[in-house]
Protein backbone atom coordinates (compact mmCIF):
# COMPACT_ATOMS: atom_id res chain seq x y z
CA UNK A 1 -18.63 -114.74 -68.52
CA UNK A 2 -19.83 -111.50 -70.49
CA UNK A 3 -18.32 -108.39 -71.70
CA UNK A 4 -21.34 -107.04 -69.60
CA UNK A 5 -20.20 -108.72 -66.29
CA UNK A 6 -16.78 -107.47 -66.97
CA UNK A 7 -17.92 -103.96 -67.57
CA UNK A 8 -19.43 -104.05 -64.02
CA UNK A 9 -16.46 -105.29 -61.96
CA UNK A 10 -14.64 -102.61 -64.04
CA UNK A 11 -16.86 -100.21 -62.67
CA UNK A 12 -17.32 -101.21 -59.14
CA UNK A 13 -13.39 -101.08 -58.61
CA UNK A 14 -13.63 -97.75 -59.97
CA UNK A 15 -16.19 -96.36 -57.72
CA UNK A 16 -16.00 -99.03 -54.77
CA UNK A 17 -19.48 -98.53 -54.39
CA UNK A 18 -22.39 -100.91 -55.84
CA UNK A 19 -24.85 -98.33 -55.94
CA UNK A 20 -22.59 -95.75 -57.67
CA UNK A 21 -21.13 -98.30 -59.97
CA UNK A 22 -24.67 -99.33 -61.02
CA UNK A 23 -25.92 -95.93 -61.56
CA UNK A 24 -22.91 -95.36 -64.06
CA UNK A 25 -23.78 -98.67 -65.64
CA UNK A 26 -27.68 -97.48 -65.90
CA UNK A 27 -28.46 -100.50 -64.02
CA UNK A 28 -30.30 -101.44 -60.77
CA UNK A 29 -27.91 -102.18 -57.81
CA UNK A 30 -29.52 -105.59 -57.41
CA UNK A 31 -28.70 -106.69 -61.17
CA UNK A 32 -25.08 -105.39 -60.87
CA UNK A 33 -24.67 -107.26 -57.65
CA UNK A 34 -26.43 -110.66 -59.20
CA UNK A 35 -23.91 -110.29 -62.23
CA UNK A 36 -20.48 -109.94 -60.26
CA UNK A 37 -22.07 -112.73 -57.94
CA UNK A 38 -22.45 -115.07 -61.03
CA UNK A 39 -19.12 -114.12 -62.17
CA UNK A 40 -17.24 -114.90 -59.22
CA UNK A 41 -19.41 -118.48 -58.89
CA UNK A 42 -17.93 -119.16 -62.31
CA UNK A 43 -14.53 -118.30 -61.77
CA UNK A 44 -14.67 -120.06 -58.42
CA UNK A 45 -13.47 -117.00 -56.72
CA UNK A 46 -14.15 -113.99 -54.59
CA UNK A 47 -13.18 -110.69 -56.59
CA UNK A 48 -14.29 -108.17 -53.77
CA UNK A 49 -13.82 -108.16 -50.05
CA UNK A 50 -17.71 -106.99 -49.42
CA UNK A 51 -16.90 -106.72 -45.41
CA UNK A 52 -15.09 -103.37 -46.06
CA UNK A 53 -16.25 -100.02 -46.56
CA UNK A 54 -15.45 -98.97 -49.51
CA UNK A 55 -15.52 -102.39 -50.96
CA UNK A 56 -12.17 -103.63 -52.26
CA UNK A 57 -10.85 -106.10 -54.86
CA UNK A 58 -9.20 -109.39 -53.16
CA UNK A 59 -5.34 -109.64 -54.59
CA UNK A 60 -6.58 -112.19 -57.26
CA UNK A 61 -9.41 -109.94 -58.07
CA UNK A 62 -6.91 -107.02 -58.93
CA UNK A 63 -5.39 -109.29 -61.22
CA UNK A 64 -8.83 -110.15 -62.79
CA UNK A 65 -10.18 -106.57 -63.06
CA UNK A 66 -6.66 -105.77 -64.82
CA UNK A 67 -6.94 -108.14 -67.32
CA UNK A 68 -11.03 -107.27 -67.98
CA UNK A 69 -9.69 -103.71 -68.51
CA UNK A 70 -7.44 -105.08 -71.30
CA UNK A 71 -10.21 -107.29 -72.80
CA UNK A 72 -12.79 -104.63 -72.90
CA UNK A 73 -10.46 -102.46 -74.54
CA UNK A 74 -9.76 -104.70 -77.12
CA UNK A 75 -13.67 -105.08 -77.67
CA UNK A 76 -13.90 -101.50 -78.10
CA UNK A 77 -11.01 -101.55 -80.92
CA UNK A 78 -13.15 -104.38 -82.64
CA UNK A 79 -16.21 -102.10 -82.69
CA UNK A 80 -14.19 -99.32 -83.95
CA UNK A 81 -12.59 -101.22 -86.69
CA UNK A 82 -16.26 -102.15 -87.87
CA UNK A 83 -17.43 -98.48 -87.63
CA UNK A 84 -14.07 -97.07 -89.53
CA UNK A 85 -14.55 -99.87 -92.61
CA UNK A 86 -18.16 -98.57 -92.57
CA UNK A 87 -17.15 -95.18 -92.79
CA UNK A 88 -19.83 -94.30 -90.06
CA UNK A 89 -18.87 -91.91 -87.22
CA UNK A 90 -20.66 -92.98 -84.18
CA UNK A 91 -21.17 -94.05 -80.44
CA UNK A 92 -20.28 -92.32 -77.12
CA UNK A 93 -17.98 -89.91 -76.57
CA UNK A 94 -17.06 -89.08 -72.91
CA UNK A 95 -15.30 -85.65 -72.63
CA UNK A 96 -13.96 -83.99 -69.43
CA UNK A 97 -13.54 -80.08 -69.73
CA UNK A 98 -11.78 -77.75 -66.90
CA UNK A 99 -14.61 -75.12 -65.98
CA UNK A 100 -12.60 -72.04 -67.05
CA UNK A 101 -12.74 -73.28 -70.63
CA UNK A 102 -16.44 -74.94 -70.80
CA UNK A 103 -18.84 -72.26 -70.99
CA UNK A 104 -16.93 -70.14 -73.54
CA UNK A 105 -16.41 -73.27 -75.88
CA UNK A 106 -18.77 -76.01 -75.39
CA UNK A 107 -21.74 -74.26 -76.28
CA UNK A 108 -20.17 -73.02 -79.46
CA UNK A 109 -19.17 -76.56 -80.71
CA UNK A 110 -21.87 -78.66 -79.32
CA UNK A 111 -24.80 -77.77 -81.62
CA UNK A 112 -22.64 -77.95 -84.65
CA UNK A 113 -20.77 -81.30 -83.84
CA UNK A 114 -24.49 -83.04 -83.36
CA UNK A 115 -25.75 -81.82 -86.21
CA UNK A 116 -22.86 -83.10 -88.16
CA UNK A 117 -22.85 -86.55 -86.14
CA UNK A 118 -26.49 -87.11 -85.24
CA UNK A 119 -25.08 -90.93 -84.23
CA UNK A 120 -23.01 -89.96 -81.61
CA UNK A 121 -23.78 -89.69 -78.14
CA UNK A 122 -21.56 -86.68 -76.51
CA UNK A 123 -21.32 -86.81 -72.59
CA UNK A 124 -19.40 -83.60 -70.95
CA UNK A 125 -18.23 -83.38 -67.58
CA UNK A 126 -16.72 -80.11 -66.24
CA UNK A 127 -13.93 -81.04 -64.01
CA UNK A 128 -10.88 -79.81 -62.52
CA UNK A 129 -7.38 -80.93 -63.97
CA UNK A 130 -6.69 -83.57 -61.60
CA UNK A 131 -9.89 -85.38 -61.64
CA UNK A 132 -9.78 -85.27 -65.45
CA UNK A 133 -6.47 -86.70 -65.46
CA UNK A 134 -7.62 -89.54 -62.87
CA UNK A 135 -10.57 -90.46 -65.08
CA UNK A 136 -8.78 -90.44 -68.23
CA UNK A 137 -6.10 -92.95 -66.64
CA UNK A 138 -9.10 -95.24 -65.26
CA UNK A 139 -10.85 -95.07 -68.74
CA UNK A 140 -13.89 -93.30 -67.45
CA UNK A 141 -13.21 -90.12 -70.08
CA UNK A 142 -12.12 -90.69 -73.76
CA UNK A 143 -10.54 -87.08 -73.97
CA UNK A 144 -10.14 -83.99 -71.96
CA UNK A 145 -9.83 -80.42 -73.01
CA UNK A 146 -7.05 -78.99 -70.84
CA UNK A 147 -4.74 -76.38 -70.18
CA UNK A 148 -0.96 -78.11 -70.91
CA UNK A 149 1.48 -79.02 -70.96
CA UNK A 150 0.79 -81.57 -67.90
CA UNK A 151 4.27 -83.43 -68.04
CA UNK A 152 2.64 -87.01 -67.45
CA UNK A 153 3.89 -89.86 -69.82
CA UNK A 154 0.95 -92.10 -69.57
CA UNK A 155 -1.03 -89.14 -71.26
CA UNK A 156 -0.93 -87.94 -74.89
CA UNK A 157 -0.99 -84.34 -75.44
CA UNK A 158 -2.55 -82.45 -78.83
CA UNK A 159 -2.20 -78.72 -78.43
CA UNK A 160 -4.97 -77.20 -80.46
CA UNK A 161 -4.64 -73.05 -79.68
CA UNK A 162 -3.18 -70.83 -77.54
CA UNK A 163 -5.52 -68.59 -75.47
CA UNK A 164 -4.36 -65.06 -74.05
CA UNK A 165 -4.79 -63.54 -70.58
CA UNK A 166 -6.54 -60.46 -69.98
CA UNK A 167 -6.98 -57.75 -67.18
CA UNK A 168 -10.83 -57.00 -66.34
CA UNK A 169 -10.31 -53.63 -64.22
CA UNK A 170 -12.75 -51.70 -61.86
CA UNK A 171 -13.81 -48.32 -63.01
CA UNK A 172 -11.94 -47.06 -59.92
CA UNK A 173 -8.61 -49.06 -60.79
CA UNK A 174 -5.41 -46.54 -61.59
CA UNK A 175 -4.69 -48.94 -64.21
CA UNK A 176 -7.13 -47.67 -66.83
CA UNK A 177 -5.28 -44.88 -67.38
CA UNK A 178 -2.85 -47.61 -69.25
CA UNK A 179 -3.17 -49.00 -72.78
CA UNK A 180 -1.55 -52.30 -72.02
CA UNK A 181 -0.08 -53.51 -68.91
CA UNK A 182 2.64 -55.38 -67.78
CA UNK A 183 2.63 -58.25 -64.76
CA UNK A 184 4.48 -55.67 -62.61
CA UNK A 185 1.54 -53.16 -62.86
CA UNK A 186 -0.80 -55.69 -60.69
CA UNK A 187 -1.11 -55.23 -57.13
CA UNK A 188 -1.88 -58.81 -55.65
CA UNK A 189 -3.88 -57.10 -53.26
CA UNK A 190 -6.37 -56.07 -55.62
CA UNK A 191 -6.67 -59.36 -57.47
CA UNK A 192 -9.64 -61.17 -57.46
CA UNK A 193 -8.79 -65.12 -57.94
CA UNK A 194 -10.30 -68.47 -58.23
CA UNK A 195 -10.10 -71.20 -55.51
CA UNK A 196 -7.32 -73.11 -54.63
CA UNK A 197 -7.03 -76.26 -57.10
CA UNK A 198 -7.93 -74.51 -60.32
CA UNK A 199 -4.78 -74.57 -62.69
CA UNK A 200 -5.78 -71.09 -63.61
CA UNK A 201 -5.38 -69.41 -60.37
CA UNK A 202 -1.39 -70.89 -60.31
CA UNK A 203 -1.22 -69.70 -64.04
CA UNK A 204 -2.35 -65.98 -62.60
CA UNK A 205 0.11 -66.18 -59.97
CA UNK A 206 2.75 -67.17 -62.26
CA UNK A 207 2.24 -64.32 -64.67
CA UNK A 208 2.41 -62.03 -61.87
CA UNK A 209 5.72 -64.17 -60.61
CA UNK A 210 4.89 -64.06 -56.81
CA UNK A 211 2.50 -65.81 -54.30
CA UNK A 212 -0.84 -64.46 -53.12
CA UNK A 213 -0.10 -62.67 -49.96
CA UNK A 214 -0.96 -64.46 -46.72
CA UNK A 215 -1.86 -61.40 -44.89
CA UNK A 216 -5.65 -61.52 -43.80
CA UNK A 217 -7.73 -59.44 -45.75
CA UNK A 218 -11.19 -57.33 -44.36
CA UNK A 219 -13.01 -59.32 -47.06
CA UNK A 220 -12.12 -62.57 -49.03
CA UNK A 221 -14.35 -64.34 -51.48
CA UNK A 222 -13.73 -67.82 -52.46
CA UNK A 223 -15.21 -68.82 -55.90
CA UNK A 224 -14.96 -71.64 -58.76
CA UNK A 225 -16.52 -69.42 -61.61
CA UNK A 226 -14.86 -66.91 -63.44
CA UNK A 227 -17.99 -64.93 -63.93
CA UNK A 228 -18.34 -64.49 -60.43
CA UNK A 229 -14.74 -62.93 -60.83
CA UNK A 230 -16.28 -60.54 -63.28
CA UNK A 231 -18.99 -59.82 -61.16
CA UNK A 232 -16.95 -59.08 -58.24
CA UNK A 233 -14.72 -56.41 -60.14
CA UNK A 234 -17.63 -54.52 -61.54
CA UNK A 235 -19.40 -54.27 -58.54
CA UNK A 236 -16.25 -53.70 -56.08
CA UNK A 237 -12.86 -52.48 -56.45
CA UNK A 238 -9.60 -54.69 -58.00
CA UNK A 239 -8.98 -56.68 -61.09
CA UNK A 240 -8.78 -59.98 -62.13
CA UNK A 241 -7.55 -61.67 -64.99
CA UNK A 242 -9.72 -63.54 -67.71
CA UNK A 243 -9.13 -66.07 -70.59
CA UNK A 244 -9.70 -64.28 -73.92
CA UNK A 245 -12.57 -66.53 -74.72
CA UNK A 246 -14.49 -65.60 -71.92
CA UNK A 247 -14.98 -61.84 -73.10
CA UNK A 248 -16.20 -62.92 -76.45
CA UNK A 249 -19.94 -61.82 -75.70
CA UNK A 250 -18.84 -58.54 -73.93
CA UNK A 251 -20.75 -55.16 -74.14
CA UNK A 252 -18.83 -52.38 -75.47
CA UNK A 253 -18.73 -50.66 -71.73
CA UNK A 254 -17.18 -54.13 -70.54
CA UNK A 255 -14.63 -53.98 -73.15
CA UNK A 256 -13.72 -50.61 -72.08
CA UNK A 257 -12.55 -52.46 -69.01
CA UNK A 258 -10.23 -54.87 -70.77
CA UNK A 259 -6.62 -54.28 -71.03
CA UNK A 260 -4.02 -56.49 -72.81
CA UNK A 261 -0.56 -57.03 -71.65
CA UNK A 262 2.58 -56.07 -73.54
CA UNK A 263 4.31 -58.49 -75.83
CA UNK A 264 5.26 -61.08 -75.17
CA UNK A 265 1.54 -61.74 -73.78
CA UNK A 266 0.69 -64.29 -71.43
CA UNK A 267 -0.72 -67.36 -72.61
CA UNK A 268 -2.17 -70.75 -71.81
CA UNK A 269 -1.88 -73.47 -74.27
CA UNK A 270 -5.20 -75.60 -74.34
CA UNK A 271 -4.90 -79.19 -75.87
CA UNK A 272 -6.96 -82.36 -76.27
CA UNK A 273 -5.95 -85.03 -73.95
CA UNK A 274 -5.70 -88.46 -74.21
CA UNK A 275 -4.45 -92.05 -72.83
CA UNK A 276 -1.74 -92.98 -74.61
CA UNK A 277 -3.44 -96.29 -75.47
CA UNK A 278 -6.68 -94.04 -76.20
CA UNK A 279 -9.62 -95.33 -78.70
CA UNK A 280 -12.36 -93.37 -80.68
CA UNK A 281 -9.79 -91.69 -82.83
CA UNK A 282 -12.38 -90.66 -85.41
CA UNK A 283 -14.38 -89.32 -83.02
CA UNK A 284 -12.06 -87.30 -81.16
CA UNK A 285 -10.40 -86.19 -84.57
CA UNK A 286 -14.02 -84.64 -85.35
CA UNK A 287 -14.22 -82.69 -81.88
CA UNK A 288 -11.18 -81.33 -82.72
CA UNK A 289 -11.99 -80.01 -85.99
CA UNK A 290 -15.37 -78.59 -84.35
CA UNK A 291 -13.28 -76.69 -81.70
CA UNK A 292 -10.64 -75.24 -84.32
CA UNK A 293 -13.50 -74.25 -86.39
CA UNK A 294 -15.18 -72.58 -83.33
CA UNK A 295 -12.11 -70.90 -82.47
CA UNK A 296 -10.61 -67.20 -83.96
CA UNK A 297 -8.01 -67.88 -86.21
CA UNK A 298 -5.47 -65.96 -84.42
CA UNK A 299 -5.52 -68.26 -81.56
CA UNK A 300 -4.56 -71.26 -83.72
CA UNK A 301 -1.62 -69.02 -85.47
CA UNK A 302 -0.26 -67.20 -82.49
CA UNK A 303 3.51 -66.47 -83.22
CA UNK A 304 5.77 -68.01 -80.69
CA UNK A 305 7.66 -64.59 -80.35
CA UNK A 306 4.60 -62.79 -79.31
CA UNK A 307 3.62 -65.20 -76.50
CA UNK A 308 4.67 -66.05 -73.08
CA UNK A 309 3.30 -69.66 -72.32
CA UNK A 310 2.24 -69.97 -68.62
CA UNK A 311 2.00 -73.44 -66.88
CA UNK A 312 0.33 -74.22 -63.74
């Protein structure tokens, strides 16, 4: 029995497919299949029912795989202990980040992080919140950068900063006459939103304290992209709400269309989220420092009386 074999059965349990599991483990499917079969022969049991699609673990397989996850975690702790003793920050850090944050945060921190820690391999996925939470629990991600709170006791949240929402107006919007806005100023029929499933969509609807109208519109555009929302406002009528980091590279003309909200400003809390029994503490602490160095100081030092936290 080897740690590699344990990694294979954990991956196979996670993805329920030899092809996908082999790809995630960077080996060929025949190699993985052979190693899993060798482990089964050594243990004298069948770990997986291959007659089902997707494949599923047997009853005894479920228990063995659970123990395998524990063994692998302990082995990673041993490596981490040795690296800490050597004062070395190295290894792989698997990060999940929500799409409404990724393009405005990650480009700033990746180059600085890799320059400081050349022995670290960053692996970043843009996922929606539900998938990040699922992969944190399955051990497929080391940390997530998410809008919180999540209210999940199996996860640990470390708030980093508070990001305000701002309104982005079309030229024809009557709201351009106002210097600052209130939520009650926004007509939902004029509002461009992200698709269902994005936490930012729910947050914006919560800011307006209303549900999206079910009335059929002459034109409706479904998107997963904040950038697309910007373009729809610029080329059409209406309004959208944007996270503040997304306007950092705006031109003067674009900034003329931005309106902040009156105090208390609607904001979202951004946190590094880990499993409660997480590993790679030094790596995650290094990532946290780079994030805090990259964002404006005022986002770290928001006066609680001046912001209104918006939940999903």
